[in-house]
Protein backbone atom coordinates (compact mmCIF):
# COMPACT_ATOMS: atom_id res chain seq x y z
CA MET A 1 85.32 108.90 136.65
CA LYS A 2 83.93 111.16 134.04
CA LYS A 3 81.98 109.83 131.07
CA THR A 4 84.50 111.56 128.90
CA ALA A 5 87.28 109.50 130.27
CA ILE A 6 85.06 106.26 130.19
CA ALA A 7 84.55 106.79 126.58
CA SER A 8 88.21 107.31 125.55
CA ILE A 9 89.40 104.48 127.50
CA ALA A 10 86.75 102.34 125.80
CA LEU A 11 87.69 103.52 122.34
CA ALA A 12 91.40 102.84 123.20
CA ILE A 13 90.50 99.22 124.54
CA ILE A 14 88.78 98.51 121.21
CA ALA A 15 91.79 99.75 119.14
CA ALA A 16 94.18 97.87 121.27
CA GLN A 17 92.01 94.61 121.00
CA ALA A 18 91.72 94.85 117.47
CA ALA A 19 95.58 95.44 116.67
CA THR A 20 96.48 92.32 118.88
CA GLU A 21 93.90 89.84 117.99
CA SER A 22 95.32 89.33 114.46
CA GLN A 23 97.87 90.95 112.36
CA ALA A 24 95.50 91.04 109.27
CA GLN A 25 92.31 91.05 110.77
CA VAL A 26 91.32 94.75 111.90
CA ALA A 27 87.95 94.97 110.47
CA ALA A 28 87.10 97.55 107.69
CA PHE A 29 84.60 99.26 109.91
CA ASP A 30 87.17 99.63 112.80
CA SER A 31 90.38 100.37 110.71
CA VAL A 32 88.97 103.45 109.23
CA SER A 33 88.52 104.98 112.70
CA THR A 34 91.67 103.96 114.40
CA HIS A 35 93.61 106.57 116.35
CA GLN A 36 97.22 105.98 116.55
CA ARG A 37 99.20 107.32 119.65
CA GLY A 38 96.30 109.24 120.98
CA ASN A 39 95.83 111.56 117.95
CA ARG A 40 92.43 112.95 117.73
CA LEU A 41 92.84 113.37 113.94
CA SER A 42 93.75 110.19 111.97
CA ILE A 43 94.59 110.20 108.12
CA GLY A 44 95.46 106.90 106.21
CA GLY A 45 94.30 104.73 103.55
CA TYR A 46 95.03 101.61 101.42
CA GLY A 47 95.55 101.29 97.64
CA GLU A 48 96.27 98.72 95.02
CA VAL A 49 98.02 98.44 91.72
CA ALA A 50 97.27 95.49 89.41
CA LEU A 51 98.94 94.25 86.16
CA THR A 52 97.41 91.38 84.38
CA ARG A 53 97.71 89.30 81.06
CA ASN A 54 94.60 87.05 80.32
CA PHE A 55 95.30 84.27 78.05
CA TYR A 56 91.83 83.95 76.63
CA SER A 57 89.34 86.07 74.70
CA ASP A 58 87.50 88.98 76.16
CA ASN A 59 84.86 88.80 73.57
CA VAL A 60 81.42 89.13 74.83
CA TYR A 61 80.28 85.95 73.15
CA ARG A 62 82.95 83.84 74.46
CA TYR A 63 80.45 81.69 76.40
CA SER A 64 77.44 81.71 73.90
CA GLN A 65 79.86 80.73 71.08
CA ALA A 66 82.78 79.31 72.73
CA SER A 67 84.07 77.27 69.98
CA LYS A 68 84.71 80.28 67.93
CA TYR A 69 86.67 81.86 70.75
CA LYS A 70 88.84 78.83 71.66
CA ASP A 71 92.10 80.02 70.10
CA ALA A 72 91.44 83.67 70.00
CA PRO A 73 94.19 85.95 71.44
CA GLY A 74 94.40 86.96 75.04
CA HIS A 75 94.51 90.33 76.27
CA GLY A 76 95.97 92.39 79.16
CA ARG A 77 94.65 94.90 81.87
CA PHE A 78 96.41 97.41 83.90
CA ASP A 79 94.48 98.80 86.64
CA ILE A 80 94.44 100.72 90.03
CA PRO A 81 91.34 98.69 91.63
CA HIS A 82 91.32 101.13 94.74
CA ALA A 83 92.91 103.95 96.09
CA VAL A 84 91.44 104.81 99.20
CA VAL A 85 91.83 107.84 101.79
CA TYR A 86 90.79 107.70 105.63
CA ILE A 87 89.95 110.72 107.58
CA SER A 88 88.85 110.54 111.04
CA TYR A 89 88.48 112.82 114.18
CA ASP A 90 87.78 112.34 117.73
CA PHE A 91 85.72 115.38 119.23
CA GLY A 92 85.53 114.07 122.50
CA LYS A 93 83.08 112.94 124.90
CA GLY A 94 82.63 109.86 123.20
CA TRP A 95 81.67 111.54 119.57
CA THR A 96 83.81 110.67 116.54
CA MET A 97 83.57 111.12 112.77
CA SER A 98 85.03 108.91 110.26
CA SER A 99 84.95 109.08 106.52
CA GLU A 100 86.35 106.97 103.44
CA ILE A 101 86.87 108.35 100.16
CA GLU A 102 87.39 105.59 97.56
CA PHE A 103 88.77 105.92 93.99
CA GLU A 104 88.16 102.95 92.06
CA HIS A 105 90.02 102.11 88.90
CA GLY A 106 91.45 105.50 88.83
CA GLY A 107 88.58 107.50 89.33
CA ALA A 108 86.15 108.89 86.34
CA GLY A 109 87.30 111.66 83.79
CA GLY A 110 85.49 113.91 81.26
CA ALA A 111 86.05 116.85 79.17
CA VAL A 112 84.45 119.15 76.96
CA GLU A 113 85.93 119.72 73.26
CA LYS A 114 85.33 121.52 70.24
CA GLU A 115 85.04 119.15 67.25
CA PHE A 116 86.19 120.85 64.21
CA GLU A 117 85.58 117.95 62.13
CA GLU A 118 81.87 118.25 63.06
CA ALA A 119 80.90 121.68 62.15
CA GLY A 120 82.68 123.03 65.09
CA GLU A 121 80.26 121.53 67.84
CA TRP A 122 80.99 121.53 71.53
CA GLU A 123 80.96 117.87 72.60
CA GLN A 124 81.38 116.35 76.01
CA GLU A 125 83.25 113.02 76.04
CA THR A 126 83.96 110.53 79.00
CA GLU A 127 87.86 110.19 78.74
CA LYS A 128 88.33 107.24 81.23
CA GLY A 129 86.03 104.82 83.37
CA GLY A 130 86.01 104.45 87.09
CA GLU A 131 84.16 105.89 90.09
CA VAL A 132 84.71 108.13 93.06
CA GLU A 133 82.60 107.23 95.86
CA LEU A 134 82.21 108.15 99.54
CA GLU A 135 82.52 104.68 100.93
CA GLN A 136 82.00 105.74 104.57
CA PHE A 137 80.74 108.86 106.35
CA TRP A 138 79.44 108.42 109.85
CA ILE A 139 79.12 110.16 112.96
CA GLN A 140 79.34 107.77 116.23
CA LYS A 141 78.33 108.12 119.86
CA SER A 142 80.20 105.84 122.25
CA PHE A 143 78.82 105.00 125.48
CA ALA A 144 80.95 102.08 126.42
CA SER A 145 82.88 99.37 124.60
CA TRP A 146 79.83 97.30 124.13
CA ALA A 147 77.41 100.15 122.96
CA ASN A 148 78.23 102.28 120.30
CA ILE A 149 75.95 104.09 117.59
CA ARG A 150 76.67 105.12 114.18
CA VAL A 151 74.52 107.23 111.83
CA GLY A 152 75.53 107.63 108.23
CA HIS A 153 76.95 105.64 105.51
CA PHE A 154 79.17 102.67 106.62
CA VAL A 155 80.48 99.26 105.39
CA VAL A 156 77.82 96.37 105.22
CA PRO A 157 79.97 93.58 106.90
CA VAL A 158 78.22 90.73 105.34
CA GLY A 159 80.72 88.05 104.01
CA PHE A 160 84.37 87.96 104.63
CA THR A 161 85.60 90.21 102.02
CA ASN A 162 83.27 93.17 102.71
CA ALA A 163 84.03 92.93 106.46
CA TYR A 164 87.83 92.34 105.60
CA HIS A 165 88.27 94.28 102.19
CA GLU A 166 91.73 96.04 102.52
CA PRO A 167 94.30 94.39 100.27
CA LEU A 168 96.50 93.03 103.03
CA ASN A 169 93.49 90.71 104.08
CA PHE A 170 93.69 88.45 101.21
CA PHE A 171 96.63 86.78 99.20
CA THR A 172 95.34 87.42 95.59
CA VAL A 173 95.98 90.52 93.48
CA TYR A 174 92.28 91.15 93.14
CA ARG A 175 89.82 90.79 95.88
CA PRO A 176 88.50 87.08 96.27
CA GLU A 177 86.45 86.55 93.08
CA GLY A 178 83.54 84.65 94.56
CA GLU A 179 82.20 86.96 96.87
CA ALA A 180 83.24 89.95 94.75
CA THR A 181 81.05 88.78 92.13
CA ILE A 182 77.85 87.78 93.78
CA LEU A 183 77.55 90.38 96.47
CA PRO A 184 78.22 94.11 96.68
CA CYS A 185 81.80 94.74 97.14
CA THR A 186 82.50 96.69 99.06
CA TRP A 187 78.94 96.96 100.47
CA HIS A 188 78.31 100.12 101.67
CA ASP A 189 75.13 101.94 102.70
CA THR A 190 73.15 104.76 104.70
CA GLY A 191 71.54 103.92 108.01
CA ILE A 192 71.92 103.43 111.47
CA SER A 193 74.37 100.89 113.20
CA PHE A 194 74.50 99.56 116.80
CA TRP A 195 77.88 97.74 117.73
CA GLY A 196 80.19 96.73 120.40
CA ARG A 197 82.51 94.50 122.08
CA SER A 198 82.14 92.10 124.99
CA GLY A 199 84.57 89.75 126.12
CA ASP A 200 85.89 87.67 122.92
CA PHE A 201 83.06 88.86 120.77
CA ARG A 202 82.58 91.71 118.43
CA TYR A 203 78.74 92.30 117.17
CA GLU A 204 76.92 94.68 114.90
CA VAL A 205 73.40 95.23 113.78
CA GLN A 206 72.48 97.55 111.06
CA LEU A 207 69.27 99.00 109.62
CA ILE A 208 70.04 100.21 106.00
CA ALA A 209 68.10 101.23 102.76
CA GLY A 210 66.86 98.25 100.98
CA LEU A 211 68.18 96.46 97.65
CA ASP A 212 66.89 97.47 94.10
CA GLY A 213 65.62 94.16 92.62
CA PHE A 214 65.59 95.85 89.32
CA LEU A 215 69.43 96.09 89.33
CA PHE A 216 69.99 92.29 89.99
CA ASP A 217 71.26 90.44 86.97
CA ARG A 218 72.70 87.13 85.88
CA ASP A 219 76.34 87.69 86.03
CA ASN A 220 76.50 89.25 89.32
CA TRP A 221 73.38 88.48 91.21
CA ILE A 222 72.51 90.97 93.77
CA GLN A 223 75.88 92.73 93.47
CA ASN A 224 74.58 96.23 91.75
CA GLY A 225 71.46 96.23 94.01
CA ALA A 226 73.07 98.33 96.72
CA GLY A 227 74.03 101.06 94.41
CA SER A 228 72.12 103.71 93.01
CA PRO A 229 71.98 105.62 89.54
CA PHE A 230 70.33 108.63 91.05
CA GLU A 231 71.52 111.29 93.32
CA PHE A 232 70.12 109.50 96.43
CA LYS A 233 69.49 106.22 97.62
CA VAL A 234 65.94 104.79 97.20
CA ALA A 235 64.62 103.57 100.59
CA ASN A 236 60.94 102.48 99.92
CA LYS A 237 62.15 99.28 101.39
CA TYR A 238 64.79 98.59 104.16
CA GLY A 239 67.25 95.90 105.07
CA PHE A 240 68.79 94.59 108.12
CA ALA A 241 72.08 93.24 108.24
CA ALA A 242 74.18 91.72 111.36
CA ARG A 243 77.74 90.32 111.90
CA ILE A 244 79.27 88.77 114.90
CA ASP A 245 82.87 87.57 115.42
CA ASN A 246 84.51 85.73 117.97
CA TYR A 247 88.34 85.60 118.95
CA THR A 248 88.35 83.14 121.91
CA ILE A 249 91.06 80.89 120.13
CA PRO A 250 94.33 82.76 120.10
CA GLY A 251 95.07 83.75 116.47
CA LEU A 252 91.55 82.45 115.03
CA ARG A 253 88.85 84.48 114.15
CA ILE A 254 85.27 83.17 113.33
CA GLY A 255 82.49 85.32 111.87
CA LEU A 256 78.95 84.92 111.30
CA SER A 257 76.84 87.48 109.08
CA GLY A 258 73.69 87.82 107.40
CA TYR A 259 71.18 90.15 105.60
CA TYR A 260 67.32 90.43 105.16
CA GLY A 261 65.16 92.56 103.22
CA ARG A 262 62.61 93.18 100.37
CA SER A 263 63.99 94.17 97.10
CA MET A 264 60.73 94.60 94.92
CA HIS A 265 58.96 98.07 94.74
CA ASN A 266 62.21 99.86 95.76
CA THR A 267 62.43 101.87 92.47
CA PHE A 268 62.18 105.49 91.60
CA PRO A 269 59.34 106.48 90.86
CA HIS A 270 57.64 104.45 93.50
CA ASP A 271 54.96 103.52 91.38
CA LEU A 272 57.27 102.16 88.62
CA GLU A 273 55.55 99.27 87.16
CA SER A 274 55.99 97.26 84.25
CA ASP A 275 52.40 96.06 83.66
CA GLY A 276 49.82 97.84 85.86
CA ASN A 277 49.29 96.28 89.37
CA LYS A 278 50.59 92.70 87.90
CA TYR A 279 53.43 92.69 90.31
CA LYS A 280 51.89 94.43 93.21
CA GLU A 281 52.17 91.48 95.62
CA VAL A 282 55.66 90.57 94.55
CA LYS A 283 58.03 90.88 97.62
CA GLY A 284 61.56 89.90 96.10
CA THR A 285 62.87 88.93 99.57
CA VAL A 286 66.60 88.75 99.80
CA ALA A 287 67.97 86.55 102.38
CA ILE A 288 71.76 85.96 102.58
CA GLY A 289 74.07 83.99 105.09
CA ALA A 290 77.55 83.69 105.61
CA ILE A 291 80.53 82.11 107.69
CA ASP A 292 84.12 83.12 107.59
CA PHE A 293 87.38 82.57 109.45
CA ALA A 294 90.83 83.86 109.57
CA TYR A 295 93.90 81.96 111.33
CA ASN A 296 96.97 83.69 111.70
CA ALA A 297 99.65 81.77 113.81
CA HIS A 298 102.72 79.55 113.81
CA ASN A 299 103.71 81.29 110.29
CA TRP A 300 100.58 80.26 108.69
CA ILE A 301 97.66 82.61 107.55
CA VAL A 302 94.55 80.61 106.35
CA ARG A 303 91.20 82.27 105.40
CA GLY A 304 88.17 81.08 104.12
CA ASN A 305 84.21 81.80 103.78
CA ALA A 306 80.96 80.24 102.70
CA ASP A 307 78.01 82.28 101.41
CA TYR A 308 74.73 81.33 100.23
CA GLY A 309 71.83 83.61 99.20
CA TYR A 310 68.25 83.56 98.31
CA VAL A 311 66.03 86.07 96.18
CA GLY A 312 62.19 85.31 96.20
CA ASP A 313 60.06 85.95 93.25
CA ALA A 314 63.32 85.73 91.10
CA ALA A 315 61.29 84.57 87.80
CA ALA A 316 58.58 87.46 88.41
CA ILE A 317 61.39 90.13 88.98
CA SER A 318 63.04 88.86 85.69
CA GLU A 319 59.98 89.12 83.96
CA ALA A 320 59.13 92.61 85.36
CA LYS A 321 62.39 94.03 84.29
CA ARG A 322 62.02 92.76 80.84
CA ASN A 323 58.83 94.38 80.55
CA ILE A 324 59.86 97.91 81.80
CA ASN A 325 58.48 100.29 79.24
CA ALA A 326 60.99 103.12 79.82
CA THR A 327 63.58 102.86 77.13
CA ASP A 328 66.19 104.69 78.97
CA ALA A 329 65.52 103.23 82.44
CA PRO A 330 68.94 102.44 84.45
CA TYR A 331 67.73 98.53 85.12
CA LYS A 332 69.21 95.56 84.25
CA LYS A 333 67.44 93.37 81.80
CA SER A 334 69.16 89.94 82.39
CA PRO A 335 67.35 87.60 84.66
CA VAL A 336 68.38 87.11 88.28
CA GLY A 337 68.64 83.54 89.64
CA LYS A 338 67.04 82.39 92.68
CA ASN A 339 70.05 81.25 94.70
CA ALA A 340 73.62 82.21 94.58
CA PHE A 341 76.64 80.70 96.51
CA ALA A 342 80.41 81.45 96.91
CA ILE A 343 83.14 79.15 98.93
CA GLY A 344 86.47 80.25 99.03
CA VAL A 345 89.64 79.23 100.96
CA GLU A 346 93.41 80.45 100.87
CA ALA A 347 96.48 79.34 102.85
CA GLY A 348 99.67 80.81 103.01
CA TYR A 349 103.19 80.13 104.62
CA ASP A 350 105.85 82.54 105.53
CA VAL A 351 108.86 80.85 104.29
CA PHE A 352 111.12 83.95 105.58
CA SER A 353 110.09 82.84 109.20
CA GLN A 354 112.72 80.22 108.62
CA ILE A 355 115.66 82.40 107.71
CA ASN A 356 117.31 84.47 110.68
CA LYS A 357 118.06 87.71 108.69
CA THR A 358 114.70 88.18 107.48
CA ARG A 359 112.81 87.32 110.43
CA ARG A 360 114.82 89.97 112.61
CA THR A 361 113.82 92.48 109.90
CA ASN A 362 110.39 91.66 109.98
CA GLN A 363 110.24 90.80 106.21
CA LYS A 364 107.71 88.21 105.19
CA LEU A 365 107.37 85.84 102.29
CA TYR A 366 103.90 83.92 101.96
CA VAL A 367 103.72 81.25 99.49
CA PHE A 368 100.06 80.56 98.75
CA GLY A 369 97.19 79.03 97.15
CA ARG A 370 93.50 79.76 96.72
CA TYR A 371 90.34 78.10 95.83
CA ASP A 372 87.12 79.55 94.73
CA CYS A 373 84.07 77.94 93.72
CA TYR A 374 80.89 80.24 92.88
CA ASP A 375 77.74 80.54 91.00
CA SER A 376 76.03 83.81 90.41
CA TYR A 377 72.76 82.22 88.75
CA ILE A 378 71.11 79.14 90.16
CA PRO A 379 67.45 79.53 88.51
CA SER A 380 63.97 78.74 89.64
CA LYS A 381 62.50 75.75 87.48
CA GLN A 382 60.59 78.08 85.31
CA GLN A 383 63.79 79.95 84.50
CA ALA A 384 66.41 79.31 81.66
CA GLN A 385 69.83 77.69 82.41
CA TYR A 386 73.24 79.52 81.75
CA GLU A 387 75.81 76.77 82.78
CA TYR A 388 78.82 79.32 82.33
CA THR A 389 77.98 81.16 85.53
CA LYS A 390 79.35 78.42 87.83
CA LYS A 391 82.97 78.65 87.99
CA ILE A 392 85.96 77.33 89.85
CA ARG A 393 89.05 79.31 90.30
CA MET A 394 92.30 78.23 91.55
CA ALA A 395 95.48 80.55 92.10
CA ALA A 396 98.94 80.10 93.48
CA GLY A 397 101.53 82.87 94.23
CA ILE A 398 103.53 84.71 96.46
CA ASN A 399 103.12 87.81 98.76
CA TYR A 400 106.23 89.60 99.72
CA HIS A 401 106.14 92.18 102.58
CA PRO A 402 109.38 94.15 102.74
CA ILE A 403 107.54 96.01 105.53
CA PRO A 404 104.39 95.09 107.50
CA GLN A 405 102.23 97.99 105.45
CA VAL A 406 103.36 96.96 102.15
CA ALA A 407 102.54 93.65 99.90
CA VAL A 408 104.14 92.76 96.68
CA LYS A 409 102.00 90.16 95.13
CA ALA A 410 102.31 87.64 92.10
CA GLU A 411 100.10 84.85 90.92
CA TYR A 412 98.87 82.46 88.37
CA SER A 413 95.34 81.58 88.36
CA LYS A 414 92.99 79.70 86.22
CA ARG A 415 89.14 79.79 85.89
CA PHE A 416 87.41 76.48 85.14
CA PHE A 417 84.23 75.75 83.36
CA LYS A 418 81.96 72.99 82.24
CA SER A 419 83.60 71.19 78.96
CA GLN A 420 81.62 73.15 76.60
CA TYR A 421 83.41 76.26 77.66
CA ASN A 422 86.92 77.45 77.62
CA ASP A 423 88.88 77.66 80.66
CA GLU A 424 90.69 81.16 81.51
CA PRO A 425 94.17 81.36 82.72
CA SER A 426 96.01 84.47 83.69
CA VAL A 427 98.87 85.90 85.26
CA SER A 428 98.73 89.12 87.65
CA LEU A 429 101.43 91.19 89.39
CA GLY A 430 100.35 93.65 92.06
CA ILE A 431 101.53 95.97 94.83
CA ALA A 432 99.30 97.23 97.43
CA TYR A 433 99.62 99.34 100.90
CA GLU A 434 97.57 99.89 104.01
CA GLY A 435 98.51 102.13 106.87
CA PHE A 436 98.19 105.57 108.66
CA PHE A 437 100.05 108.81 108.10
CA LEU A 438 98.99 110.66 110.79
């Protein structure tokens, strides 16, 4: 049998296995390259609309001056968190290309205007926030189902949400809050990936550009460290990510993932220092470990995750950031904690499974609950305490699927803090889809 046929069969087996293992557990790094009915060109995507009313103040001082904002009015936010387009093509002979273009919060917008009230000056204004990102773009060579190499920009599958971030993979209107707070989400980077399938296991190992410790902060830990304010990604240091998923038990997927790399001296210019060579030996090692699972059987869907991370030399990185002399440098000034964690679990039952009519028409109505506990700033002994960073969030609601590709979501949630702070309740409505058009 020719190598071309072997590679095509291998890709078909991968797609078929991913589709049958769990209805809501096709990984982000697989779904973008799914080829339906043998088509060489594949076009698809996903998107979300979210409508939220928050019954608490959005003032920036609501934690440092909590008593002042106890009875402050709430606020509402309408948003399009993500609108994504997949484009993938199978060139044959084991070569494929896949891309994912993402519009976050409606994309960015700007305009040039002539201000007649200011002596007729031309001004460039930002008319709306948001981002447009190339979240994935890679070229892949497949040798067999167990051996595939990708080079380009791809998802870094550390944690549940990064590996399975499409909106039908979680019940809440927004992505699970714990992981989305402390980790880049969606974490995507440029590098080389080796992945494959063997028996009941899927595995992946990645070499990617390192994180930038100067972009870490108190409220989001390393979340912003995978980004870049420049036209290129600084890669003075490198990172290694790995993930393995097991599907031995029918309906159950269990995954382990992790990351290791250095984050200090990964800036531009390379020799950017706050105080001569004072921080020359500071490495800023980042280590993350995560375990997650998803169970989809007997009309139940249960998902969970636990993530724990470490940043070496956190106090030194925090000091170095404060002492940066460049006034306009795009680096965070707030401290970064030595550790962070996120624990989450959700469970939903399909009540329509007990009604003959809705069961026959493949409609589903999940009644769900979710619990998250996370802390984005666990300091070392020499660092200041900020106790508001530890949060517990509980949510309950419904997900209605009129068809498998669409979910209508509704939830009530409440964020709990220590007694000196004000709890934060909210109500959210959302609608989301995920699917292929070609």
